[in-house]
């Protein structure tokens, strides 16, 4: 199941559940219309606390999802820059060492692009990452003797540092794709939203009822939760950052 499908199912279930609990709360509240002013004030205080909790949960969850989304985009830029720099610095090695290192780097970038494409299509970690680790090892094993065979003593520091940065950024980006809040947080968010719907229906009993307001309230909460799920999966959802991967594809096109 893709992230978009899961998000839509969760948001739809939340939408339907909140509508049902609004109705249930309104009917239940109709049986307790003769509450005293003090009792209603106490209930209003409790309702305010629960609604505040829902607002905090949505705010923090949305803020962290948005932050991770921006981090993903920055990592794409960092990876493209790191690959371009490493490939250019291969030119500092001896001429006989360059073709094999350059070929390995091109293969490495091809594998990176294939992995990102696989994740976009299936929303799960591909087994190709094991092959990618093997390619990284091969690049390093080729680079170490190449830099020490170079007549310039500074080549080792320059090229090996670039390769280390490239591997670090790439591995960090790959791992970051699968870092999401625990599902318990989304379960708690859904439970609090449903509770708020029940309390909202109960509190509106005995007064003029507006279906429009109810629909707007429920739709706003469900849509916000769906957007949060989408932000958490920028490669597999509707809010994709695939266009940023063109940066890495452009780097690959220049690696001739």
C-alpha atoms as a PDB file:
ATOM      1  CA  UNK A   1       0.000   0.000   0.000  1.00  0.00           C
ATOM      2  CA  UNK A   2       1.420   3.380  -0.974  1.00  0.00           C
ATOM      3  CA  UNK A   3       1.679   6.316   1.409  1.00  0.00           C
ATOM      4  CA  UNK A   4      -0.972   8.231  -0.530  1.00  0.00           C
ATOM      5  CA  UNK A   5      -3.430   5.342  -0.320  1.00  0.00           C
ATOM      6  CA  UNK A   6      -2.776   4.889   3.396  1.00  0.00           C
ATOM      7  CA  UNK A   7      -3.149   8.615   3.990  1.00  0.00           C
ATOM      8  CA  UNK A   8      -6.404   8.778   2.060  1.00  0.00           C
ATOM      9  CA  UNK A   9      -7.840   5.790   3.931  1.00  0.00           C
ATOM     10  CA  UNK A  10      -6.826   7.267   7.271  1.00  0.00           C
ATOM     11  CA  UNK A  11      -8.230  10.706   6.425  1.00  0.00           C
ATOM     12  CA  UNK A  12     -11.461   9.229   5.031  1.00  0.00           C
ATOM     13  CA  UNK A  13     -11.939   7.034   8.084  1.00  0.00           C
ATOM     14  CA  UNK A  14     -11.315  10.040  10.303  1.00  0.00           C
ATOM     15  CA  UNK A  15     -13.797  12.126   8.315  1.00  0.00           C
ATOM     16  CA  UNK A  16     -16.558   9.517   8.553  1.00  0.00           C
ATOM     17  CA  UNK A  17     -15.810   8.737  12.204  1.00  0.00           C
ATOM     18  CA  UNK A  18     -15.893  12.390  13.232  1.00  0.00           C
ATOM     19  CA  UNK A  19     -19.204  12.942  11.441  1.00  0.00           C
ATOM     20  CA  UNK A  20     -20.675   9.913  13.207  1.00  0.00           C
ATOM     21  CA  UNK A  21     -19.445  11.060  16.612  1.00  0.00           C
ATOM     22  CA  UNK A  22     -20.717  14.581  16.021  1.00  0.00           C
ATOM     23  CA  UNK A  23     -24.150  13.087  15.460  1.00  0.00           C
ATOM     24  CA  UNK A  24     -23.802  10.805  18.484  1.00  0.00           C
ATOM     25  CA  UNK A  25     -22.665  13.680  20.676  1.00  0.00           C
ATOM     26  CA  UNK A  26     -25.520  15.897  19.536  1.00  0.00           C
ATOM     27  CA  UNK A  27     -28.088  13.210  20.339  1.00  0.00           C
ATOM     28  CA  UNK A  28     -26.484  12.437  23.678  1.00  0.00           C
ATOM     29  CA  UNK A  29     -26.347  16.113  24.559  1.00  0.00           C
ATOM     30  CA  UNK A  30     -30.017  16.465  23.766  1.00  0.00           C
ATOM     31  CA  UNK A  31     -30.781  14.178  26.698  1.00  0.00           C
ATOM     32  CA  UNK A  32     -28.895  16.411  29.112  1.00  0.00           C
ATOM     33  CA  UNK A  33     -30.177  19.857  28.201  1.00  0.00           C
ATOM     34  CA  UNK A  34     -31.264  20.692  31.752  1.00  0.00           C
ATOM     35  CA  UNK A  35     -27.762  21.029  33.136  1.00  0.00           C
ATOM     36  CA  UNK A  36     -27.084  23.904  35.485  1.00  0.00           C
ATOM     37  CA  UNK A  37     -24.880  26.840  34.560  1.00  0.00           C
ATOM     38  CA  UNK A  38     -22.041  25.595  36.782  1.00  0.00           C
ATOM     39  CA  UNK A  39     -22.181  22.151  35.209  1.00  0.00           C
ATOM     40  CA  UNK A  40     -22.086  23.588  31.697  1.00  0.00           C
ATOM     41  CA  UNK A  41     -19.130  25.803  32.625  1.00  0.00           C
ATOM     42  CA  UNK A  42     -17.241  22.789  33.963  1.00  0.00           C
ATOM     43  CA  UNK A  43     -17.943  20.817  30.788  1.00  0.00           C
ATOM     44  CA  UNK A  44     -16.873  23.780  28.684  1.00  0.00           C
ATOM     45  CA  UNK A  45     -13.527  23.880  30.502  1.00  0.00           C
ATOM     46  CA  UNK A  46     -12.927  20.205  29.802  1.00  0.00           C
ATOM     47  CA  UNK A  47     -13.908  20.603  26.150  1.00  0.00           C
ATOM     48  CA  UNK A  48     -11.494  23.528  25.761  1.00  0.00           C
ATOM     49  CA  UNK A  49      -8.651  21.440  27.192  1.00  0.00           C
ATOM     50  CA  UNK A  50      -9.290  18.562  24.778  1.00  0.00           C
ATOM     51  CA  UNK A  51      -9.548  20.891  21.771  1.00  0.00           C
ATOM     52  CA  UNK A  52      -6.314  22.574  22.826  1.00  0.00           C
ATOM     53  CA  UNK A  53      -4.645  19.166  22.946  1.00  0.00           C
ATOM     54  CA  UNK A  54      -5.845  18.434  19.394  1.00  0.00           C
ATOM     55  CA  UNK A  55      -4.472  21.768  18.230  1.00  0.00           C
ATOM     56  CA  UNK A  56      -1.073  21.085  19.802  1.00  0.00           C
ATOM     57  CA  UNK A  57      -0.877  17.584  18.305  1.00  0.00           C
ATOM     58  CA  UNK A  58      -1.693  18.864  14.829  1.00  0.00           C
ATOM     59  CA  UNK A  59       0.687  21.816  15.142  1.00  0.00           C
ATOM     60  CA  UNK A  60       3.678  19.790  16.316  1.00  0.00           C
ATOM     61  CA  UNK A  61       3.076  16.923  13.899  1.00  0.00           C
ATOM     62  CA  UNK A  62       2.667  19.289  10.956  1.00  0.00           C
ATOM     63  CA  UNK A  63       5.720  21.342  11.928  1.00  0.00           C
ATOM     64  CA  UNK A  64       7.976  18.284  12.173  1.00  0.00           C
ATOM     65  CA  UNK A  65       6.649  16.840   8.899  1.00  0.00           C
ATOM     66  CA  UNK A  66       7.263  20.133   7.117  1.00  0.00           C
ATOM     67  CA  UNK A  67      10.764  20.338   8.585  1.00  0.00           C
ATOM     68  CA  UNK A  68      11.627  16.837   7.397  1.00  0.00           C
ATOM     69  CA  UNK A  69      10.253  17.684   3.944  1.00  0.00           C
ATOM     70  CA  UNK A  70      12.604  20.680   3.692  1.00  0.00           C
ATOM     71  CA  UNK A  71      15.483  18.548   4.965  1.00  0.00           C
ATOM     72  CA  UNK A  72      14.872  15.995   2.196  1.00  0.00           C
ATOM     73  CA  UNK A  73      15.101  18.721  -0.430  1.00  0.00           C
ATOM     74  CA  UNK A  74      18.309  20.102   1.015  1.00  0.00           C
ATOM     75  CA  UNK A  75      19.881  16.628   1.108  1.00  0.00           C
ATOM     76  CA  UNK A  76      19.144  16.209  -2.608  1.00  0.00           C
ATOM     77  CA  UNK A  77      21.023  19.431  -3.337  1.00  0.00           C
ATOM     78  CA  UNK A  78      23.893  18.391  -1.064  1.00  0.00           C
ATOM     79  CA  UNK A  79      24.132  14.971  -2.698  1.00  0.00           C
ATOM     80  CA  UNK A  80      24.199  16.404  -6.221  1.00  0.00           C
ATOM     81  CA  UNK A  81      26.931  18.856  -5.237  1.00  0.00           C
ATOM     82  CA  UNK A  82      28.959  16.163  -3.471  1.00  0.00           C
ATOM     83  CA  UNK A  83      28.813  13.809  -6.464  1.00  0.00           C
ATOM     84  CA  UNK A  84      29.788  16.557  -8.900  1.00  0.00           C
ATOM     85  CA  UNK A  85      32.737  17.606  -6.732  1.00  0.00           C
ATOM     86  CA  UNK A  86      34.013  14.047  -6.257  1.00  0.00           C
ATOM     87  CA  UNK A  87      33.774  13.270  -9.963  1.00  0.00           C
ATOM     88  CA  UNK A  88      35.709  16.389 -10.906  1.00  0.00           C
ATOM     89  CA  UNK A  89      38.446  15.677  -8.393  1.00  0.00           C
ATOM     90  CA  UNK A  90      39.083  12.292  -9.956  1.00  0.00           C
ATOM     91  CA  UNK A  91      40.920  14.312 -12.616  1.00  0.00           C
ATOM     92  CA  UNK A  92      43.633  14.956 -10.023  1.00  0.00           C
ATOM     93  CA  UNK A  93      44.667  11.295 -10.020  1.00  0.00           C
ATOM     94  CA  UNK A  94      47.065   9.643 -12.446  1.00  0.00           C
ATOM     95  CA  UNK A  95      45.643   9.259 -15.993  1.00  0.00           C
ATOM     96  CA  UNK A  96      45.716   5.454 -15.836  1.00  0.00           C
ATOM     97  CA  UNK A  97      43.544   5.484 -12.680  1.00  0.00           C
ATOM     98  CA  UNK A  98      40.827   7.790 -13.928  1.00  0.00           C
ATOM     99  CA  UNK A  99      38.738   5.624 -16.330  1.00  0.00           C
ATOM    100  CA  UNK A 100      37.903   2.916 -13.797  1.00  0.00           C
ATOM    101  CA  UNK A 101      37.132   5.379 -11.005  1.00  0.00           C
ATOM    102  CA  UNK A 102      34.950   7.459 -13.291  1.00  0.00           C
ATOM    103  CA  UNK A 103      33.095   4.379 -14.496  1.00  0.00           C
ATOM    104  CA  UNK A 104      32.436   3.310 -10.904  1.00  0.00           C
ATOM    105  CA  UNK A 105      31.135   6.767 -10.012  1.00  0.00           C
ATOM    106  CA  UNK A 106      28.792   6.769 -13.020  1.00  0.00           C
ATOM    107  CA  UNK A 107      27.496   3.338 -12.028  1.00  0.00           C
ATOM    108  CA  UNK A 108      27.082   4.567  -8.464  1.00  0.00           C
ATOM    109  CA  UNK A 109      24.929   7.523  -9.552  1.00  0.00           C
ATOM    110  CA  UNK A 110      22.867   5.257 -11.818  1.00  0.00           C
ATOM    111  CA  UNK A 111      22.143   3.040  -8.833  1.00  0.00           C
ATOM    112  CA  UNK A 112      21.197   6.030  -6.675  1.00  0.00           C
ATOM    113  CA  UNK A 113      18.688   7.228  -9.269  1.00  0.00           C
ATOM    114  CA  UNK A 114      17.303   3.701  -9.650  1.00  0.00           C
ATOM    115  CA  UNK A 115      16.787   3.428  -5.891  1.00  0.00           C
ATOM    116  CA  UNK A 116      14.911   6.726  -5.707  1.00  0.00           C
ATOM    117  CA  UNK A 117      12.744   5.670  -8.637  1.00  0.00           C
ATOM    118  CA  UNK A 118      11.995   2.330  -6.999  1.00  0.00           C
ATOM    119  CA  UNK A 119      10.974   4.022  -3.762  1.00  0.00           C
ATOM    120  CA  UNK A 120       8.663   6.415  -5.616  1.00  0.00           C
ATOM    121  CA  UNK A 121       6.943   3.497  -7.316  1.00  0.00           C
ATOM    122  CA  UNK A 122       6.668   1.051  -4.431  1.00  0.00           C
ATOM    123  CA  UNK A 123       7.133   3.107  -1.237  1.00  0.00           C
ATOM    124  CA  UNK A 124       9.417   0.501   0.315  1.00  0.00           C
ATOM    125  CA  UNK A 125      13.137   0.086   0.790  1.00  0.00           C
ATOM    126  CA  UNK A 126      14.686  -1.663  -2.180  1.00  0.00           C
ATOM    127  CA  UNK A 127      17.260  -4.421  -1.849  1.00  0.00           C
ATOM    128  CA  UNK A 128      19.482  -2.501  -4.257  1.00  0.00           C
ATOM    129  CA  UNK A 129      20.971  -0.639  -1.314  1.00  0.00           C
ATOM    130  CA  UNK A 130      23.148  -3.688  -0.585  1.00  0.00           C
ATOM    131  CA  UNK A 131      24.533  -3.477  -4.114  1.00  0.00           C
ATOM    132  CA  UNK A 132      25.109   0.228  -3.599  1.00  0.00           C
ATOM    133  CA  UNK A 133      27.213  -0.461  -0.510  1.00  0.00           C
ATOM    134  CA  UNK A 134      29.331  -2.850  -2.547  1.00  0.00           C
ATOM    135  CA  UNK A 135      29.884  -0.149  -5.180  1.00  0.00           C
ATOM    136  CA  UNK A 136      30.915   2.309  -2.470  1.00  0.00           C
ATOM    137  CA  UNK A 137      33.496  -0.181  -1.227  1.00  0.00           C
ATOM    138  CA  UNK A 138      34.797  -0.676  -4.764  1.00  0.00           C
ATOM    139  CA  UNK A 139      35.117   3.072  -5.309  1.00  0.00           C
ATOM    140  CA  UNK A 140      37.077   3.440  -2.095  1.00  0.00           C
ATOM    141  CA  UNK A 141      39.339   0.493  -2.874  1.00  0.00           C
ATOM    142  CA  UNK A 142      40.122   2.006  -6.268  1.00  0.00           C
ATOM    143  CA  UNK A 143      40.544   5.528  -4.959  1.00  0.00           C
ATOM    144  CA  UNK A 144      43.062   4.811  -2.187  1.00  0.00           C
ATOM    145  CA  UNK A 145      45.843   3.400  -4.395  1.00  0.00           C
ATOM    146  CA  UNK A 146      45.014   5.955  -7.111  1.00  0.00           C
ATOM    147  CA  UNK A 147      45.595   8.965  -4.880  1.00  0.00           C
ATOM    148  CA  UNK A 148      48.802   7.591  -3.423  1.00  0.00           C
ATOM    149  CA  UNK A 149      50.087   6.907  -6.924  1.00  0.00           C
ATOM    150  CA  UNK A 150      49.537  10.547  -7.815  1.00  0.00           C
ATOM    151  CA  UNK A 151      52.648  12.752  -7.858  1.00  0.00           C
ATOM    152  CA  UNK A 152      50.835  15.459  -5.896  1.00  0.00           C
ATOM    153  CA  UNK A 153      50.756  14.733  -2.128  1.00  0.00           C
ATOM    154  CA  UNK A 154      47.581  16.750  -1.584  1.00  0.00           C
ATOM    155  CA  UNK A 155      45.421  14.613  -3.849  1.00  0.00           C
ATOM    156  CA  UNK A 156      44.775  12.011  -1.161  1.00  0.00           C
ATOM    157  CA  UNK A 157      43.217  14.520   1.207  1.00  0.00           C
ATOM    158  CA  UNK A 158      41.204  16.285  -1.500  1.00  0.00           C
ATOM    159  CA  UNK A 159      39.700  13.265  -3.268  1.00  0.00           C
ATOM    160  CA  UNK A 160      39.172  10.982  -0.278  1.00  0.00           C
ATOM    161  CA  UNK A 161      37.464  13.779   1.626  1.00  0.00           C
ATOM    162  CA  UNK A 162      35.130  14.374  -1.324  1.00  0.00           C
ATOM    163  CA  UNK A 163      34.260  10.688  -1.548  1.00  0.00           C
ATOM    164  CA  UNK A 164      33.621  10.525   2.191  1.00  0.00           C
ATOM    165  CA  UNK A 165      31.296  13.528   1.972  1.00  0.00           C
ATOM    166  CA  UNK A 166      29.479  11.962  -0.983  1.00  0.00           C
ATOM    167  CA  UNK A 167      28.922   8.666   0.846  1.00  0.00           C
ATOM    168  CA  UNK A 168      27.852  10.427   4.047  1.00  0.00           C
ATOM    169  CA  UNK A 169      25.263  12.620   2.350  1.00  0.00           C
ATOM    170  CA  UNK A 170      23.930   9.769   0.210  1.00  0.00           C
ATOM    171  CA  UNK A 171      23.601   7.383   3.148  1.00  0.00           C
ATOM    172  CA  UNK A 172      22.006  10.079   5.272  1.00  0.00           C
ATOM    173  CA  UNK A 173      19.467  10.858   2.578  1.00  0.00           C
ATOM    174  CA  UNK A 174      18.603   7.196   2.094  1.00  0.00           C
ATOM    175  CA  UNK A 175      18.135   6.619   5.829  1.00  0.00           C
ATOM    176  CA  UNK A 176      16.083   9.792   6.168  1.00  0.00           C
ATOM    177  CA  UNK A 177      13.464   8.479   3.753  1.00  0.00           C
ATOM    178  CA  UNK A 178      12.341   5.939   6.335  1.00  0.00           C
ATOM    179  CA  UNK A 179      12.398   8.136   9.439  1.00  0.00           C
ATOM    180  CA  UNK A 180       8.802   8.926  10.375  1.00  0.00           C
ATOM    181  CA  UNK A 181       6.884   9.502  13.608  1.00  0.00           C
ATOM    182  CA  UNK A 182       5.713   6.311  15.356  1.00  0.00           C
ATOM    183  CA  UNK A 183       2.297   5.163  14.222  1.00  0.00           C
ATOM    184  CA  UNK A 184       1.150   5.557  17.806  1.00  0.00           C
ATOM    185  CA  UNK A 185       1.323   9.338  17.332  1.00  0.00           C
ATOM    186  CA  UNK A 186      -1.056   9.185  14.365  1.00  0.00           C
ATOM    187  CA  UNK A 187      -3.316   6.843  16.335  1.00  0.00           C
ATOM    188  CA  UNK A 188      -3.332   9.335  19.205  1.00  0.00           C
ATOM    189  CA  UNK A 189      -4.045  12.187  16.790  1.00  0.00           C
ATOM    190  CA  UNK A 190      -6.999  10.287  15.332  1.00  0.00           C
ATOM    191  CA  UNK A 191      -8.323   9.356  18.778  1.00  0.00           C
ATOM    192  CA  UNK A 192      -8.173  12.932  20.050  1.00  0.00           C
ATOM    193  CA  UNK A 193      -9.835  14.201  16.856  1.00  0.00           C
ATOM    194  CA  UNK A 194     -12.681  11.717  17.291  1.00  0.00           C
ATOM    195  CA  UNK A 195     -13.038  12.727  20.943  1.00  0.00           C
ATOM    196  CA  UNK A 196     -13.245  16.379  19.935  1.00  0.00           C
ATOM    197  CA  UNK A 197     -15.978  15.550  17.434  1.00  0.00           C
ATOM    198  CA  UNK A 198     -17.998  13.812  20.148  1.00  0.00           C
ATOM    199  CA  UNK A 199     -17.574  16.742  22.537  1.00  0.00           C
ATOM    200  CA  UNK A 200     -18.389  19.285  19.813  1.00  0.00           C
ATOM    201  CA  UNK A 201     -21.621  17.474  19.029  1.00  0.00           C
ATOM    202  CA  UNK A 202     -22.498  17.249  22.717  1.00  0.00           C
ATOM    203  CA  UNK A 203     -21.780  20.927  23.277  1.00  0.00           C
ATOM    204  CA  UNK A 204     -23.905  22.051  20.331  1.00  0.00           C
ATOM    205  CA  UNK A 205     -26.989  20.161  21.514  1.00  0.00           C
ATOM    206  CA  UNK A 206     -29.883  22.419  22.373  1.00  0.00           C
ATOM    207  CA  UNK A 207     -28.726  25.204  20.083  1.00  0.00           C
ATOM    208  CA  UNK A 208     -29.148  25.956  16.394  1.00  0.00           C
ATOM    209  CA  UNK A 209     -27.327  23.247  14.453  1.00  0.00           C
ATOM    210  CA  UNK A 210     -25.296  24.064  11.349  1.00  0.00           C
ATOM    211  CA  UNK A 211     -24.348  21.165   9.102  1.00  0.00           C
ATOM    212  CA  UNK A 212     -22.050  23.465   7.166  1.00  0.00           C
ATOM    213  CA  UNK A 213     -19.987  24.253  10.249  1.00  0.00           C
ATOM    214  CA  UNK A 214     -19.804  20.589  11.160  1.00  0.00           C
ATOM    215  CA  UNK A 215     -18.635  19.602   7.682  1.00  0.00           C
ATOM    216  CA  UNK A 216     -16.032  22.377   7.619  1.00  0.00           C
ATOM    217  CA  UNK A 217     -14.667  21.358  11.015  1.00  0.00           C
ATOM    218  CA  UNK A 218     -14.440  17.670  10.116  1.00  0.00           C
ATOM    219  CA  UNK A 219     -13.053  18.308   6.629  1.00  0.00           C
ATOM    220  CA  UNK A 220     -10.392  20.696   7.950  1.00  0.00           C
ATOM    221  CA  UNK A 221      -9.090  18.165  10.469  1.00  0.00           C
ATOM    222  CA  UNK A 222      -9.151  15.232   8.019  1.00  0.00           C
ATOM    223  CA  UNK A 223      -7.465  17.235   5.241  1.00  0.00           C
ATOM    224  CA  UNK A 224      -4.744  18.471   7.609  1.00  0.00           C
ATOM    225  CA  UNK A 225      -3.973  14.932   8.717  1.00  0.00           C
ATOM    226  CA  UNK A 226      -3.783  13.818   5.078  1.00  0.00           C
ATOM    227  CA  UNK A 227      -1.331  16.623   4.265  1.00  0.00           C
ATOM    228  CA  UNK A 228       0.831  15.616   7.232  1.00  0.00           C
ATOM    229  CA  UNK A 229       1.024  12.038   5.929  1.00  0.00           C
ATOM    230  CA  UNK A 230       1.925  13.335   2.466  1.00  0.00           C
ATOM    231  CA  UNK A 231       4.709  15.534   3.835  1.00  0.00           C
ATOM    232  CA  UNK A 232       6.126  12.528   5.654  1.00  0.00           C
ATOM    233  CA  UNK A 233       6.514  10.615   2.361  1.00  0.00           C
ATOM    234  CA  UNK A 234       7.936  13.098  -0.169  1.00  0.00           C
ATOM    235  CA  UNK A 235       9.058  10.415  -2.616  1.00  0.00           C
ATOM    236  CA  UNK A 236       5.929   8.295  -2.631  1.00  0.00           C
ATOM    237  CA  UNK A 237       3.056  10.714  -2.085  1.00  0.00           C
ATOM    238  CA  UNK A 238       1.373  13.483  -4.035  1.00  0.00           C
ATOM    239  CA  UNK A 239       3.690  16.177  -2.649  1.00  0.00           C
ATOM    240  CA  UNK A 240       6.760  14.741  -4.306  1.00  0.00           C
ATOM    241  CA  UNK A 241      10.233  16.184  -4.454  1.00  0.00           C
ATOM    242  CA  UNK A 242      11.005  14.123  -7.548  1.00  0.00           C
ATOM    243  CA  UNK A 243      11.760  17.286  -9.499  1.00  0.00           C
ATOM    244  CA  UNK A 244      14.700  17.887  -7.200  1.00  0.00           C
ATOM    245  CA  UNK A 245      16.111  14.520  -8.285  1.00  0.00           C
ATOM    246  CA  UNK A 246      16.614  16.138 -11.669  1.00  0.00           C
ATOM    247  CA  UNK A 247      19.609  17.837 -10.068  1.00  0.00           C
ATOM    248  CA  UNK A 248      21.284  14.456  -9.600  1.00  0.00           C
ATOM    249  CA  UNK A 249      20.180  13.354 -13.069  1.00  0.00           C
ATOM    250  CA  UNK A 250      21.740  16.495 -14.526  1.00  0.00           C
ATOM    251  CA  UNK A 251      24.996  15.689 -12.726  1.00  0.00           C
ATOM    252  CA  UNK A 252      24.872  12.184 -14.194  1.00  0.00           C
ATOM    253  CA  UNK A 253      24.362  13.607 -17.673  1.00  0.00           C
ATOM    254  CA  UNK A 254      27.543  15.666 -17.259  1.00  0.00           C
ATOM    255  CA  UNK A 255      29.584  12.643 -16.134  1.00  0.00           C
ATOM    256  CA  UNK A 256      30.994  11.707 -19.535  1.00  0.00           C
END
